[in-house]
Amino acid sequence: MSEDGSYGLRPDSVYTVRFGKEEDEATGTFRGYAVIGSETAVVIESDRRILYIPAAAIVCMALVEQAPDRKQNAANDIYYG
């Protein structure tokens, strides 16, 4: 939770993400969002590779290590274009 009481994914924080029908798991640093076709994906850097996980495939995200608080863009600031 940020100082203003809002929740959201914070860049540079470390998360464990469970995703997919088989509930695969990855732990890595949240880098931001990306658009793949018409879907929004969460971008996680894990073991020197970048994972683009479609938001609809995420089952659970657990915060492992929180990055320092800094000004965060609104969730609707994703660029589609």
N, C-alpha and C. Protein backbone atom coordinates (compact mmCIF):
# COMPACT_ATOMS: atom_id res chain seq x y z
N MET A 1 0.85 -1.17 0.00
CA MET A 1 0.00 0.00 0.00
C MET A 1 0.90 1.23 0.00
N SER A 2 0.52 2.22 -0.78
CA SER A 2 1.31 3.45 -0.85
C SER A 2 0.90 4.40 0.27
N GLU A 3 1.59 5.52 0.35
CA GLU A 3 1.32 6.49 1.40
C GLU A 3 -0.11 7.03 1.36
N ASP A 4 -0.67 7.11 0.14
CA ASP A 4 -2.04 7.65 0.03
C ASP A 4 -3.11 6.57 0.24
N GLY A 5 -2.71 5.35 0.59
CA GLY A 5 -3.65 4.29 0.89
C GLY A 5 -4.12 3.48 -0.30
N SER A 6 -3.54 3.73 -1.48
CA SER A 6 -3.96 2.98 -2.67
C SER A 6 -3.08 1.74 -2.87
N TYR A 7 -3.63 0.78 -3.59
CA TYR A 7 -2.90 -0.45 -3.88
C TYR A 7 -2.57 -0.50 -5.36
N GLY A 8 -1.51 -1.19 -5.71
CA GLY A 8 -1.13 -1.37 -7.10
C GLY A 8 0.24 -2.01 -7.17
N LEU A 9 0.58 -2.51 -8.34
CA LEU A 9 1.90 -3.10 -8.53
C LEU A 9 2.92 -1.98 -8.63
N ARG A 10 4.02 -2.14 -7.93
CA ARG A 10 5.05 -1.11 -7.90
C ARG A 10 6.27 -1.60 -8.68
N PRO A 11 6.68 -0.86 -9.73
CA PRO A 11 7.88 -1.25 -10.48
C PRO A 11 9.08 -1.43 -9.55
N ASP A 12 9.90 -2.41 -9.88
CA ASP A 12 11.11 -2.80 -9.14
C ASP A 12 10.81 -3.61 -7.89
N SER A 13 9.54 -3.88 -7.59
CA SER A 13 9.20 -4.79 -6.50
C SER A 13 9.30 -6.22 -7.00
N VAL A 14 9.55 -7.14 -6.10
CA VAL A 14 9.67 -8.56 -6.45
C VAL A 14 8.38 -9.27 -6.08
N TYR A 15 7.84 -10.03 -7.03
CA TYR A 15 6.59 -10.77 -6.84
C TYR A 15 6.78 -12.23 -7.24
N THR A 16 6.01 -13.09 -6.61
CA THR A 16 5.84 -14.46 -7.08
C THR A 16 4.49 -14.50 -7.76
N VAL A 17 4.48 -14.99 -9.02
CA VAL A 17 3.27 -14.98 -9.83
C VAL A 17 2.91 -16.42 -10.19
N ARG A 18 1.66 -16.80 -9.93
CA ARG A 18 1.13 -18.08 -10.39
C ARG A 18 0.21 -17.78 -11.55
N PHE A 19 0.39 -18.53 -12.65
CA PHE A 19 -0.38 -18.21 -13.87
C PHE A 19 -0.63 -19.46 -14.70
N GLY A 20 -1.62 -19.37 -15.56
CA GLY A 20 -1.93 -20.44 -16.49
C GLY A 20 -2.78 -21.54 -15.89
N LYS A 21 -3.25 -22.42 -16.76
CA LYS A 21 -4.10 -23.53 -16.33
C LYS A 21 -3.35 -24.51 -15.45
N GLU A 22 -2.06 -24.67 -15.72
CA GLU A 22 -1.22 -25.58 -14.92
C GLU A 22 -0.68 -24.88 -13.68
N GLU A 23 -1.02 -23.61 -13.52
CA GLU A 23 -0.54 -22.77 -12.42
C GLU A 23 0.99 -22.81 -12.30
N ASP A 24 1.64 -22.47 -13.43
CA ASP A 24 3.09 -22.29 -13.41
C ASP A 24 3.43 -21.17 -12.45
N GLU A 25 4.66 -21.13 -11.98
CA GLU A 25 5.06 -20.12 -11.00
C GLU A 25 6.38 -19.49 -11.40
N ALA A 26 6.49 -18.19 -11.23
CA ALA A 26 7.71 -17.45 -11.50
C ALA A 26 7.87 -16.38 -10.43
N THR A 27 9.10 -16.17 -10.02
CA THR A 27 9.42 -15.09 -9.09
C THR A 27 10.39 -14.16 -9.80
N GLY A 28 10.07 -12.87 -9.76
CA GLY A 28 10.93 -11.91 -10.43
C GLY A 28 10.51 -10.48 -10.14
N THR A 29 11.21 -9.56 -10.77
CA THR A 29 11.00 -8.13 -10.57
C THR A 29 9.96 -7.60 -11.55
N PHE A 30 8.95 -6.92 -11.02
CA PHE A 30 7.92 -6.31 -11.85
C PHE A 30 8.52 -5.12 -12.58
N ARG A 31 8.41 -5.13 -13.92
CA ARG A 31 8.96 -4.04 -14.73
C ARG A 31 7.90 -3.13 -15.32
N GLY A 32 6.65 -3.59 -15.38
CA GLY A 32 5.59 -2.74 -15.92
C GLY A 32 4.56 -3.56 -16.65
N TYR A 33 3.85 -2.88 -17.55
CA TYR A 33 2.79 -3.51 -18.34
C TYR A 33 3.15 -3.42 -19.81
N ALA A 34 2.60 -4.34 -20.59
CA ALA A 34 2.77 -4.31 -22.04
C ALA A 34 1.46 -4.76 -22.67
N VAL A 35 1.29 -4.42 -23.93
CA VAL A 35 0.09 -4.83 -24.66
C VAL A 35 0.52 -5.86 -25.70
N ILE A 36 -0.15 -7.01 -25.68
CA ILE A 36 0.09 -8.07 -26.67
C ILE A 36 -1.24 -8.29 -27.37
N GLY A 37 -1.32 -7.85 -28.61
CA GLY A 37 -2.59 -7.92 -29.33
C GLY A 37 -3.60 -7.04 -28.62
N SER A 38 -4.69 -7.64 -28.16
CA SER A 38 -5.71 -6.88 -27.44
C SER A 38 -5.64 -7.12 -25.94
N GLU A 39 -4.61 -7.80 -25.47
CA GLU A 39 -4.49 -8.14 -24.06
C GLU A 39 -3.40 -7.35 -23.36
N THR A 40 -3.61 -7.08 -22.10
CA THR A 40 -2.60 -6.44 -21.27
C THR A 40 -1.80 -7.53 -20.56
N ALA A 41 -0.49 -7.38 -20.57
CA ALA A 41 0.39 -8.35 -19.92
C ALA A 41 1.18 -7.66 -18.82
N VAL A 42 1.49 -8.43 -17.78
CA VAL A 42 2.36 -7.98 -16.70
C VAL A 42 3.77 -8.43 -17.09
N VAL A 43 4.73 -7.52 -17.01
CA VAL A 43 6.10 -7.83 -17.41
C VAL A 43 6.93 -8.10 -16.15
N ILE A 44 7.50 -9.31 -16.08
CA ILE A 44 8.31 -9.74 -14.95
C ILE A 44 9.68 -10.14 -15.46
N GLU A 45 10.74 -9.61 -14.85
CA GLU A 45 12.11 -10.01 -15.18
C GLU A 45 12.53 -11.07 -14.18
N SER A 46 12.84 -12.27 -14.70
CA SER A 46 13.15 -13.41 -13.86
C SER A 46 14.33 -14.18 -14.45
N ASP A 47 15.36 -14.38 -13.66
CA ASP A 47 16.52 -15.17 -14.10
C ASP A 47 17.05 -14.73 -15.46
N ARG A 48 17.28 -13.45 -15.62
CA ARG A 48 17.83 -12.86 -16.84
C ARG A 48 16.96 -13.07 -18.08
N ARG A 49 15.68 -13.29 -17.87
CA ARG A 49 14.74 -13.36 -18.99
C ARG A 49 13.51 -12.54 -18.65
N ILE A 50 12.81 -12.11 -19.68
CA ILE A 50 11.63 -11.28 -19.50
C ILE A 50 10.39 -12.14 -19.78
N LEU A 51 9.46 -12.14 -18.84
CA LEU A 51 8.20 -12.87 -19.00
C LEU A 51 7.08 -11.87 -19.23
N TYR A 52 6.30 -12.09 -20.26
CA TYR A 52 5.11 -11.30 -20.54
C TYR A 52 3.92 -12.20 -20.20
N ILE A 53 3.31 -11.99 -19.06
CA ILE A 53 2.23 -12.85 -18.59
C ILE A 53 0.90 -12.13 -18.79
N PRO A 54 0.02 -12.67 -19.64
CA PRO A 54 -1.28 -12.02 -19.85
C PRO A 54 -2.02 -11.88 -18.51
N ALA A 55 -2.56 -10.71 -18.27
CA ALA A 55 -3.24 -10.44 -17.00
C ALA A 55 -4.37 -11.42 -16.74
N ALA A 56 -5.07 -11.85 -17.78
CA ALA A 56 -6.19 -12.79 -17.62
C ALA A 56 -5.72 -14.18 -17.19
N ALA A 57 -4.43 -14.49 -17.38
CA ALA A 57 -3.90 -15.81 -17.02
C ALA A 57 -3.38 -15.87 -15.59
N ILE A 58 -3.29 -14.72 -14.92
CA ILE A 58 -2.71 -14.69 -13.58
C ILE A 58 -3.73 -15.21 -12.57
N VAL A 59 -3.28 -16.18 -11.78
CA VAL A 59 -4.12 -16.76 -10.74
C VAL A 59 -3.88 -16.03 -9.42
N CYS A 60 -2.61 -15.72 -9.13
CA CYS A 60 -2.26 -15.11 -7.85
C CYS A 60 -0.91 -14.41 -7.97
N MET A 61 -0.76 -13.28 -7.28
CA MET A 61 0.53 -12.60 -7.18
C MET A 61 0.80 -12.34 -5.71
N ALA A 62 2.00 -12.70 -5.26
CA ALA A 62 2.38 -12.47 -3.87
C ALA A 62 3.59 -11.55 -3.84
N LEU A 63 3.51 -10.50 -3.04
CA LEU A 63 4.61 -9.56 -2.89
C LEU A 63 5.71 -10.21 -2.05
N VAL A 64 6.93 -10.25 -2.60
CA VAL A 64 8.08 -10.83 -1.90
C VAL A 64 8.92 -9.73 -1.28
N GLU A 65 9.21 -8.69 -2.07
CA GLU A 65 10.02 -7.56 -1.60
C GLU A 65 9.52 -6.29 -2.25
N GLN A 66 9.14 -5.32 -1.45
CA GLN A 66 8.57 -4.08 -1.97
C GLN A 66 9.66 -3.05 -2.27
N ALA A 67 9.57 -2.42 -3.42
CA ALA A 67 10.48 -1.35 -3.81
C ALA A 67 10.10 -0.08 -3.04
N PRO A 68 11.02 0.86 -2.93
CA PRO A 68 10.70 2.13 -2.26
C PRO A 68 9.55 2.84 -2.97
N ASP A 69 8.74 3.57 -2.19
CA ASP A 69 7.60 4.29 -2.74
C ASP A 69 8.08 5.44 -3.60
N ARG A 70 7.48 5.58 -4.77
CA ARG A 70 7.74 6.71 -5.66
C ARG A 70 6.47 6.98 -6.44
N LYS A 71 6.41 8.11 -7.11
CA LYS A 71 5.20 8.44 -7.86
C LYS A 71 4.92 7.35 -8.87
N GLN A 72 3.69 6.84 -8.83
CA GLN A 72 3.30 5.75 -9.71
C GLN A 72 2.26 6.25 -10.70
N ASN A 73 2.39 5.82 -11.96
CA ASN A 73 1.41 6.19 -12.97
C ASN A 73 0.09 5.49 -12.68
N ALA A 74 -0.98 6.10 -13.08
CA ALA A 74 -2.30 5.48 -12.92
C ALA A 74 -2.37 4.22 -13.77
N ALA A 75 -3.20 3.28 -13.35
CA ALA A 75 -3.33 1.99 -14.06
C ALA A 75 -3.80 2.19 -15.49
N ASN A 76 -4.50 3.28 -15.77
CA ASN A 76 -4.99 3.50 -17.13
C ASN A 76 -4.00 4.26 -18.00
N ASP A 77 -2.76 4.38 -17.57
CA ASP A 77 -1.73 5.07 -18.34
C ASP A 77 -0.98 4.13 -19.27
N ILE A 78 -1.58 2.99 -19.62
CA ILE A 78 -0.95 2.05 -20.53
C ILE A 78 -1.16 2.57 -21.95
N TYR A 79 -0.09 2.61 -22.72
CA TYR A 79 -0.16 3.14 -24.06
C TYR A 79 -0.56 2.06 -25.06
N TYR A 80 -1.68 2.25 -25.72
CA TYR A 80 -2.13 1.33 -26.77
C TYR A 80 -1.91 2.03 -28.10
N GLY A 81 -0.92 1.57 -28.86
CA GLY A 81 -0.73 2.25 -30.12
C GLY A 81 0.33 1.76 -30.94
